Amino acid sequence: AALEEGRPAETDSLDNIKSVNMVFGAVRSAKLGQK
């Protein structure tokens, strides 16, 4: 629907990058042992 309406999807990479940031932020925190 997003493609056909010419808009970003709800899960477009522009938004999903924020969820990805949580993933790799958590990995980085675990390796550093700190917030």
PDB file of all heavy atoms in Angstrom:
ATOM      1  N   ALA A   1       0.832  -1.209   0.000  1.00  0.00           N
ATOM      2  CA  ALA A   1       0.000   0.000   0.000  1.00  0.00           C
ATOM      3  C   ALA A   1       0.861   1.251   0.000  1.00  0.00           C
ATOM      4  O   ALA A   1       0.559   2.230  -0.712  1.00  0.00           O
ATOM      5  CB  ALA A   1      -0.924  -0.007   1.220  1.00  0.00           C
ATOM      6  N   ALA A   2       1.942   1.226   0.776  1.00  0.00           N
ATOM      7  CA  ALA A   2       2.828   2.386   0.837  1.00  0.00           C
ATOM      8  C   ALA A   2       3.469   2.662  -0.523  1.00  0.00           C
ATOM      9  O   ALA A   2       3.568   3.821  -0.954  1.00  0.00           O
ATOM     10  CB  ALA A   2       3.905   2.167   1.898  1.00  0.00           C
ATOM     11  N   LEU A   3       3.927   1.605  -1.203  1.00  0.00           N
ATOM     12  CA  LEU A   3       4.508   1.792  -2.536  1.00  0.00           C
ATOM     13  C   LEU A   3       3.498   2.409  -3.485  1.00  0.00           C
ATOM     14  O   LEU A   3       3.803   3.339  -4.240  1.00  0.00           O
ATOM     15  CB  LEU A   3       4.980   0.453  -3.105  1.00  0.00           C
ATOM     16  CG  LEU A   3       6.350  -0.085  -2.712  1.00  0.00           C
ATOM     17  CD1 LEU A   3       6.693  -1.305  -3.557  1.00  0.00           C
ATOM     18  CD2 LEU A   3       7.435   0.972  -2.858  1.00  0.00           C
ATOM     19  N   GLU A   4       2.286   1.880  -3.457  1.00  0.00           N
ATOM     20  CA  GLU A   4       1.267   2.328  -4.400  1.00  0.00           C
ATOM     21  C   GLU A   4       0.747   3.720  -4.083  1.00  0.00           C
ATOM     22  O   GLU A   4       0.254   4.422  -4.970  1.00  0.00           O
ATOM     23  CB  GLU A   4       0.138   1.294  -4.430  1.00  0.00           C
ATOM     24  CG  GLU A   4       0.597  -0.008  -5.107  1.00  0.00           C
ATOM     25  CD  GLU A   4      -0.208  -1.233  -4.708  1.00  0.00           C
ATOM     26  OE1 GLU A   4      -1.262  -1.069  -4.057  1.00  0.00           O
ATOM     27  OE2 GLU A   4       0.219  -2.352  -5.062  1.00  0.00           O
ATOM     28  N   GLU A   5       0.885   4.142  -2.824  1.00  0.00           N
ATOM     29  CA  GLU A   5       0.458   5.482  -2.423  1.00  0.00           C
ATOM     30  C   GLU A   5       1.603   6.481  -2.393  1.00  0.00           C
ATOM     31  O   GLU A   5       1.406   7.657  -2.066  1.00  0.00           O
ATOM     32  CB  GLU A   5      -0.214   5.410  -1.045  1.00  0.00           C
ATOM     33  CG  GLU A   5      -1.508   4.604  -1.052  1.00  0.00           C
ATOM     34  CD  GLU A   5      -2.006   4.254   0.342  1.00  0.00           C
ATOM     35  OE1 GLU A   5      -1.481   4.849   1.323  1.00  0.00           O
ATOM     36  OE2 GLU A   5      -2.898   3.398   0.471  1.00  0.00           O
ATOM     37  N   GLY A   6       2.811   6.021  -2.714  1.00  0.00           N
ATOM     38  CA  GLY A   6       3.959   6.908  -2.784  1.00  0.00           C
ATOM     39  C   GLY A   6       4.396   7.471  -1.447  1.00  0.00           C
ATOM     40  O   GLY A   6       4.789   8.635  -1.350  1.00  0.00           O
ATOM     41  N   ARG A   7       4.365   6.651  -0.412  1.00  0.00           N
ATOM     42  CA  ARG A   7       4.750   7.093   0.934  1.00  0.00           C
ATOM     43  C   ARG A   7       5.621   6.025   1.592  1.00  0.00           C
ATOM     44  O   ARG A   7       5.625   4.875   1.160  1.00  0.00           O
ATOM     45  CB  ARG A   7       3.502   7.315   1.788  1.00  0.00           C
ATOM     46  CG  ARG A   7       2.651   6.058   1.950  1.00  0.00           C
ATOM     47  CD  ARG A   7       1.512   6.241   2.934  1.00  0.00           C
ATOM     48  NE  ARG A   7       0.633   5.081   2.978  1.00  0.00           N
ATOM     49  CZ  ARG A   7       0.874   3.972   3.674  1.00  0.00           C
ATOM     50  NH1 ARG A   7       1.983   3.892   4.417  1.00  0.00           N
ATOM     51  NH2 ARG A   7       0.031   2.959   3.664  1.00  0.00           N
ATOM     52  N   PRO A   8       6.353   6.382   2.654  1.00  0.00           N
ATOM     53  CA  PRO A   8       7.105   5.360   3.390  1.00  0.00           C
ATOM     54  C   PRO A   8       6.146   4.428   4.117  1.00  0.00           C
ATOM     55  O   PRO A   8       5.124   4.872   4.653  1.00  0.00           O
ATOM     56  CB  PRO A   8       7.934   6.169   4.397  1.00  0.00           C
ATOM     57  CG  PRO A   8       7.939   7.563   3.872  1.00  0.00           C
ATOM     58  CD  PRO A   8       6.638   7.744   3.158  1.00  0.00           C
ATOM     59  N   ALA A   9       6.459   3.143   4.146  1.00  0.00           N
ATOM     60  CA  ALA A   9       5.664   2.186   4.907  1.00  0.00           C
ATOM     61  C   ALA A   9       5.872   2.410   6.399  1.00  0.00           C
ATOM     62  O   ALA A   9       6.847   3.043   6.819  1.00  0.00           O
ATOM     63  CB  ALA A   9       6.062   0.763   4.530  1.00  0.00           C
ATOM     64  N   GLU A  10       4.958   1.889   7.196  1.00  0.00           N
ATOM     65  CA  GLU A  10       5.079   1.999   8.649  1.00  0.00           C
ATOM     66  C   GLU A  10       6.406   1.421   9.130  1.00  0.00           C
ATOM     67  O   GLU A  10       6.985   1.906  10.096  1.00  0.00           O
ATOM     68  CB  GLU A  10       3.917   1.256   9.298  1.00  0.00           C
ATOM     69  CG  GLU A  10       3.821   1.412  10.794  1.00  0.00           C
ATOM     70  CD  GLU A  10       2.613   0.690  11.361  1.00  0.00           C
ATOM     71  OE1 GLU A  10       2.736  -0.518  11.666  1.00  0.00           O
ATOM     72  OE2 GLU A  10       1.547   1.321  11.484  1.00  0.00           O
ATOM     73  N   THR A  11       6.888   0.396   8.438  1.00  0.00           N
ATOM     74  CA  THR A  11       8.148  -0.245   8.829  1.00  0.00           C
ATOM     75  C   THR A  11       9.277   0.083   7.849  1.00  0.00           C
ATOM     76  O   THR A  11      10.211  -0.696   7.694  1.00  0.00           O
ATOM     77  CB  THR A  11       7.969  -1.766   8.928  1.00  0.00           C
ATOM     78  OG1 THR A  11       7.568  -2.285   7.646  1.00  0.00           O
ATOM     79  CG2 THR A  11       6.918  -2.121   9.960  1.00  0.00           C
ATOM     80  N   ASP A  12       9.175   1.231   7.207  1.00  0.00           N
ATOM     81  CA  ASP A  12      10.258   1.682   6.320  1.00  0.00           C
ATOM     82  C   ASP A  12      11.560   1.801   7.098  1.00  0.00           C
ATOM     83  O   ASP A  12      11.556   2.013   8.319  1.00  0.00           O
ATOM     84  CB  ASP A  12       9.881   3.048   5.720  1.00  0.00           C
ATOM     85  CG  ASP A  12      10.853   3.495   4.647  1.00  0.00           C
ATOM     86  OD1 ASP A  12      10.639   3.159   3.480  1.00  0.00           O
ATOM     87  OD2 ASP A  12      11.835   4.192   4.995  1.00  0.00           O
ATOM     88  N   SER A  13      12.658   1.686   6.380  1.00  0.00           N
ATOM     89  CA  SER A  13      13.969   1.749   7.033  1.00  0.00           C
ATOM     90  C   SER A  13      14.183   3.067   7.768  1.00  0.00           C
ATOM     91  O   SER A  13      14.932   3.115   8.757  1.00  0.00           O
ATOM     92  CB  SER A  13      15.085   1.544   6.003  1.00  0.00           C
ATOM     93  OG  SER A  13      15.004   2.498   4.960  1.00  0.00           O
ATOM     94  N   LEU A  14      13.533   4.140   7.327  1.00  0.00           N
ATOM     95  CA  LEU A  14      13.658   5.427   8.019  1.00  0.00           C
ATOM     96  C   LEU A  14      13.164   5.337   9.463  1.00  0.00           C
ATOM     97  O   LEU A  14      13.674   6.025  10.350  1.00  0.00           O
ATOM     98  CB  LEU A  14      12.857   6.503   7.276  1.00  0.00           C
ATOM     99  CG  LEU A  14      13.426   6.988   5.948  1.00  0.00           C
ATOM    100  CD1 LEU A  14      12.417   7.854   5.224  1.00  0.00           C
ATOM    101  CD2 LEU A  14      14.720   7.759   6.183  1.00  0.00           C
ATOM    102  N   ASP A  15      12.156   4.489   9.693  1.00  0.00           N
ATOM    103  CA  ASP A  15      11.659   4.275  11.048  1.00  0.00           C
ATOM    104  C   ASP A  15      12.362   3.107  11.704  1.00  0.00           C
ATOM    105  O   ASP A  15      12.750   3.169  12.880  1.00  0.00           O
ATOM    106  CB  ASP A  15      10.144   4.007  11.023  1.00  0.00           C
ATOM    107  CG  ASP A  15       9.594   3.725  12.418  1.00  0.00           C
ATOM    108  OD1 ASP A  15       9.331   4.694  13.151  1.00  0.00           O
ATOM    109  OD2 ASP A  15       9.458   2.539  12.787  1.00  0.00           O
ATOM    110  N   ASN A  16      12.552   2.024  10.982  1.00  0.00           N
ATOM    111  CA  ASN A  16      13.093   0.808  11.570  1.00  0.00           C
ATOM    112  C   ASN A  16      14.521   0.971  12.070  1.00  0.00           C
ATOM    113  O   ASN A  16      14.962   0.217  12.939  1.00  0.00           O
ATOM    114  CB  ASN A  16      13.014  -0.342  10.560  1.00  0.00           C
ATOM    115  CG  ASN A  16      13.153  -1.701  11.196  1.00  0.00           C
ATOM    116  OD1 ASN A  16      14.107  -2.432  10.937  1.00  0.00           O
ATOM    117  ND2 ASN A  16      12.212  -2.059  12.062  1.00  0.00           N
ATOM    118  N   ILE A  17      15.234   1.964  11.542  1.00  0.00           N
ATOM    119  CA  ILE A  17      16.602   2.205  11.995  1.00  0.00           C
ATOM    120  C   ILE A  17      16.622   2.491  13.503  1.00  0.00           C
ATOM    121  O   ILE A  17      17.604   2.183  14.191  1.00  0.00           O
ATOM    122  CB  ILE A  17      17.242   3.382  11.206  1.00  0.00           C
ATOM    123  CG1 ILE A  17      18.735   3.496  11.509  1.00  0.00           C
ATOM    124  CG2 ILE A  17      16.517   4.689  11.484  1.00  0.00           C
ATOM    125  CD1 ILE A  17      19.576   2.368  10.987  1.00  0.00           C
ATOM    126  N   LYS A  18      15.520   3.018  14.038  1.00  0.00           N
ATOM    127  CA  LYS A  18      15.450   3.301  15.476  1.00  0.00           C
ATOM    128  C   LYS A  18      15.366   2.012  16.292  1.00  0.00           C
ATOM    129  O   LYS A  18      15.918   1.925  17.392  1.00  0.00           O
ATOM    130  CB  LYS A  18      14.261   4.214  15.770  1.00  0.00           C
ATOM    131  CG  LYS A  18      14.344   5.565  15.080  1.00  0.00           C
ATOM    132  CD  LYS A  18      13.062   6.359  15.234  1.00  0.00           C
ATOM    133  CE  LYS A  18      13.105   7.654  14.445  1.00  0.00           C
ATOM    134  NZ  LYS A  18      11.829   8.402  14.531  1.00  0.00           N
ATOM    135  N   SER A  19      14.679   1.018  15.760  1.00  0.00           N
ATOM    136  CA  SER A  19      14.632  -0.288  16.419  1.00  0.00           C
ATOM    137  C   SER A  19      15.980  -0.991  16.296  1.00  0.00           C
ATOM    138  O   SER A  19      16.441  -1.656  17.232  1.00  0.00           O
ATOM    139  CB  SER A  19      13.520  -1.146  15.817  1.00  0.00           C
ATOM    140  OG  SER A  19      12.250  -0.549  16.007  1.00  0.00           O
ATOM    141  N   VAL A  20      16.602  -0.851  15.126  1.00  0.00           N
ATOM    142  CA  VAL A  20      17.935  -1.417  14.916  1.00  0.00           C
ATOM    143  C   VAL A  20      18.939  -0.790  15.880  1.00  0.00           C
ATOM    144  O   VAL A  20      19.827  -1.464  16.411  1.00  0.00           O
ATOM    145  CB  VAL A  20      18.377  -1.215  13.459  1.00  0.00           C
ATOM    146  CG1 VAL A  20      19.844  -1.596  13.272  1.00  0.00           C
ATOM    147  CG2 VAL A  20      17.502  -2.042  12.518  1.00  0.00           C
ATOM    148  N   ASN A  21      18.790   0.502  16.142  1.00  0.00           N
ATOM    149  CA  ASN A  21      19.664   1.197  17.084  1.00  0.00           C
ATOM    150  C   ASN A  21      19.558   0.576  18.474  1.00  0.00           C
ATOM    151  O   ASN A  21      20.558   0.473  19.204  1.00  0.00           O
ATOM    152  CB  ASN A  21      19.284   2.678  17.134  1.00  0.00           C
ATOM    153  CG  ASN A  21      20.329   3.535  17.816  1.00  0.00           C
ATOM    154  OD1 ASN A  21      21.474   3.119  18.029  1.00  0.00           O
ATOM    155  ND2 ASN A  21      19.953   4.751  18.166  1.00  0.00           N
ATOM    156  N   MET A  22      18.348   0.140  18.851  1.00  0.00           N
ATOM    157  CA  MET A  22      18.171  -0.516  20.149  1.00  0.00           C
ATOM    158  C   MET A  22      18.958  -1.830  20.200  1.00  0.00           C
ATOM    159  O   MET A  22      19.581  -2.164  21.216  1.00  0.00           O
ATOM    160  CB  MET A  22      16.688  -0.782  20.398  1.00  0.00           C
ATOM    161  CG  MET A  22      15.847   0.472  20.522  1.00  0.00           C
ATOM    162  SD  MET A  22      14.075   0.140  20.667  1.00  0.00           S
ATOM    163  CE  MET A  22      13.937  -0.329  22.396  1.00  0.00           C
ATOM    164  N   VAL A  23      18.920  -2.570  19.095  1.00  0.00           N
ATOM    165  CA  VAL A  23      19.620  -3.855  19.023  1.00  0.00           C
ATOM    166  C   VAL A  23      21.118  -3.679  19.207  1.00  0.00           C
ATOM    167  O   VAL A  23      21.740  -4.281  20.090  1.00  0.00           O
ATOM    168  CB  VAL A  23      19.326  -4.558  17.691  1.00  0.00           C
ATOM    169  CG1 VAL A  23      20.252  -5.753  17.487  1.00  0.00           C
ATOM    170  CG2 VAL A  23      17.876  -4.995  17.613  1.00  0.00           C
ATOM    171  N   PHE A  24      21.714  -2.858  18.365  1.00  0.00           N
ATOM    172  CA  PHE A  24      23.168  -2.743  18.392  1.00  0.00           C
ATOM    173  C   PHE A  24      23.658  -1.874  19.547  1.00  0.00           C
ATOM    174  O   PHE A  24      24.800  -2.016  19.991  1.00  0.00           O
ATOM    175  CB  PHE A  24      23.677  -2.257  17.036  1.00  0.00           C
ATOM    176  CG  PHE A  24      23.462  -3.286  15.961  1.00  0.00           C
ATOM    177  CD1 PHE A  24      22.511  -3.105  14.973  1.00  0.00           C
ATOM    178  CD2 PHE A  24      24.176  -4.473  15.973  1.00  0.00           C
ATOM    179  CE1 PHE A  24      22.288  -4.075  14.003  1.00  0.00           C
ATOM    180  CE2 PHE A  24      23.967  -5.453  15.014  1.00  0.00           C
ATOM    181  CZ  PHE A  24      23.014  -5.252  14.030  1.00  0.00           C
ATOM    182  N   GLY A  25      22.771  -1.005  20.054  1.00  0.00           N
ATOM    183  CA  GLY A  25      23.102  -0.291  21.281  1.00  0.00           C
ATOM    184  C   GLY A  25      23.197  -1.253  22.451  1.00  0.00           C
ATOM    185  O   GLY A  25      24.087  -1.138  23.296  1.00  0.00           O
ATOM    186  N   ALA A  26      22.278  -2.234  22.496  1.00  0.00           N
ATOM    187  CA  ALA A  26      22.311  -3.230  23.558  1.00  0.00           C
ATOM    188  C   ALA A  26      23.569  -4.088  23.474  1.00  0.00           C
ATOM    189  O   ALA A  26      24.209  -4.382  24.493  1.00  0.00           O
ATOM    190  CB  ALA A  26      21.066  -4.108  23.483  1.00  0.00           C
ATOM    191  N   VAL A  27      23.936  -4.482  22.266  1.00  0.00           N
ATOM    192  CA  VAL A  27      25.160  -5.271  22.082  1.00  0.00           C
ATOM    193  C   VAL A  27      26.379  -4.473  22.535  1.00  0.00           C
ATOM    194  O   VAL A  27      27.270  -4.990  23.230  1.00  0.00           O
ATOM    195  CB  VAL A  27      25.317  -5.700  20.612  1.00  0.00           C
ATOM    196  CG1 VAL A  27      26.688  -6.338  20.372  1.00  0.00           C
ATOM    197  CG2 VAL A  27      24.211  -6.676  20.219  1.00  0.00           C
ATOM    198  N   ARG A  28      26.419  -3.192  22.158  1.00  0.00           N
ATOM    199  CA  ARG A  28      27.553  -2.334  22.544  1.00  0.00           C
ATOM    200  C   ARG A  28      27.622  -2.174  24.059  1.00  0.00           C
ATOM    201  O   ARG A  28      28.698  -2.231  24.665  1.00  0.00           O
ATOM    202  CB  ARG A  28      27.424  -0.967  21.862  1.00  0.00           C
ATOM    203  CG  ARG A  28      28.650  -0.076  22.002  1.00  0.00           C
ATOM    204  CD  ARG A  28      28.609   1.093  21.043  1.00  0.00           C
ATOM    205  NE  ARG A  28      27.628   2.100  21.403  1.00  0.00           N
ATOM    206  CZ  ARG A  28      26.476   2.308  20.764  1.00  0.00           C
ATOM    207  NH1 ARG A  28      26.145   1.542  19.747  1.00  0.00           N
ATOM    208  NH2 ARG A  28      25.648   3.265  21.140  1.00  0.00           N
ATOM    209  N   SER A  29      26.467  -1.975  24.692  1.00  0.00           N
ATOM    210  CA  SER A  29      26.419  -1.837  26.144  1.00  0.00           C
ATOM    211  C   SER A  29      26.937  -3.091  26.830  1.00  0.00           C
ATOM    212  O   SER A  29      27.705  -3.015  27.797  1.00  0.00           O
ATOM    213  CB  SER A  29      24.983  -1.557  26.597  1.00  0.00           C
ATOM    214  OG  SER A  29      24.871  -1.634  27.998  1.00  0.00           O
ATOM    215  N   ALA A  30      26.518  -4.255  26.335  1.00  0.00           N
ATOM    216  CA  ALA A  30      26.951  -5.521  26.935  1.00  0.00           C
ATOM    217  C   ALA A  30      28.458  -5.690  26.840  1.00  0.00           C
ATOM    218  O   ALA A  30      29.107  -6.154  27.784  1.00  0.00           O
ATOM    219  CB  ALA A  30      26.227  -6.683  26.256  1.00  0.00           C
ATOM    220  N   LYS A  31      29.029  -5.298  25.704  1.00  0.00           N
ATOM    221  CA  LYS A  31      30.472  -5.435  25.524  1.00  0.00           C
ATOM    222  C   LYS A  31      31.246  -4.461  26.407  1.00  0.00           C
ATOM    223  O   LYS A  31      32.317  -4.797  26.928  1.00  0.00           O
ATOM    224  CB  LYS A  31      30.828  -5.226  24.053  1.00  0.00           C
ATOM    225  CG  LYS A  31      30.388  -6.374  23.153  1.00  0.00           C
ATOM    226  CD  LYS A  31      30.787  -6.141  21.709  1.00  0.00           C
ATOM    227  CE  LYS A  31      30.415  -7.348  20.857  1.00  0.00           C
ATOM    228  NZ  LYS A  31      30.756  -7.154  19.424  1.00  0.00           N
ATOM    229  N   LEU A  32      30.702  -3.260  26.591  1.00  0.00           N
ATOM    230  CA  LEU A  32      31.374  -2.249  27.401  1.00  0.00           C
ATOM    231  C   LEU A  32      31.095  -2.431  28.892  1.00  0.00           C
ATOM    232  O   LEU A  32      31.850  -1.921  29.740  1.00  0.00           O
ATOM    233  CB  LEU A  32      30.927  -0.848  26.972  1.00  0.00           C
ATOM    234  CG  LEU A  32      31.336  -0.391  25.571  1.00  0.00           C
ATOM    235  CD1 LEU A  32      30.678   0.951  25.258  1.00  0.00           C
ATOM    236  CD2 LEU A  32      32.858  -0.274  25.468  1.00  0.00           C
ATOM    237  N   GLY A  33      29.981  -3.089  29.211  1.00  0.00           N
ATOM    238  CA  GLY A  33      29.603  -3.255  30.593  1.00  0.00           C
ATOM    239  C   GLY A  33      29.098  -1.976  31.229  1.00  0.00           C
ATOM    240  O   GLY A  33      29.248  -1.767  32.444  1.00  0.00           O
ATOM    241  N   GLN A  34      28.474  -1.108  30.424  1.00  0.00           N
ATOM    242  CA  GLN A  34      27.977   0.155  30.944  1.00  0.00           C
ATOM    243  C   GLN A  34      26.817   0.663  30.095  1.00  0.00           C
ATOM    244  O   GLN A  34      26.575   0.189  28.989  1.00  0.00           O
ATOM    245  CB  GLN A  34      29.090   1.220  30.930  1.00  0.00           C
ATOM    246  CG  GLN A  34      29.604   1.536  29.533  1.00  0.00           C
ATOM    247  CD  GLN A  34      30.811   2.463  29.565  1.00  0.00           C
ATOM    248  OE1 GLN A  34      31.728   2.270  30.357  1.00  0.00           O
ATOM    249  NE2 GLN A  34      30.835   3.444  28.687  1.00  0.00           N
ATOM    250  N   LYS A  35      26.102   1.632  30.635  1.00  0.00           N
ATOM    251  CA  LYS A  35      25.005   2.250  29.908  1.00  0.00           C
ATOM    252  C   LYS A  35      25.562   3.068  28.752  1.00  0.00           C
ATOM    253  O   LYS A  35      26.590   3.738  28.897  1.00  0.00           O
ATOM    254  CB  LYS A  35      24.176   3.153  30.840  1.00  0.00           C
ATOM    255  CG  LYS A  35      22.989   3.818  30.154  1.00  0.00           C
ATOM    256  CD  LYS A  35      22.077   4.512  31.160  1.00  0.00           C
ATOM    257  CE  LYS A  35      22.624   5.841  31.597  1.00  0.00           C
ATOM    258  NZ  LYS A  35      21.648   6.594  32.427  1.00  0.00           N
TER     259      LYS A  35
END
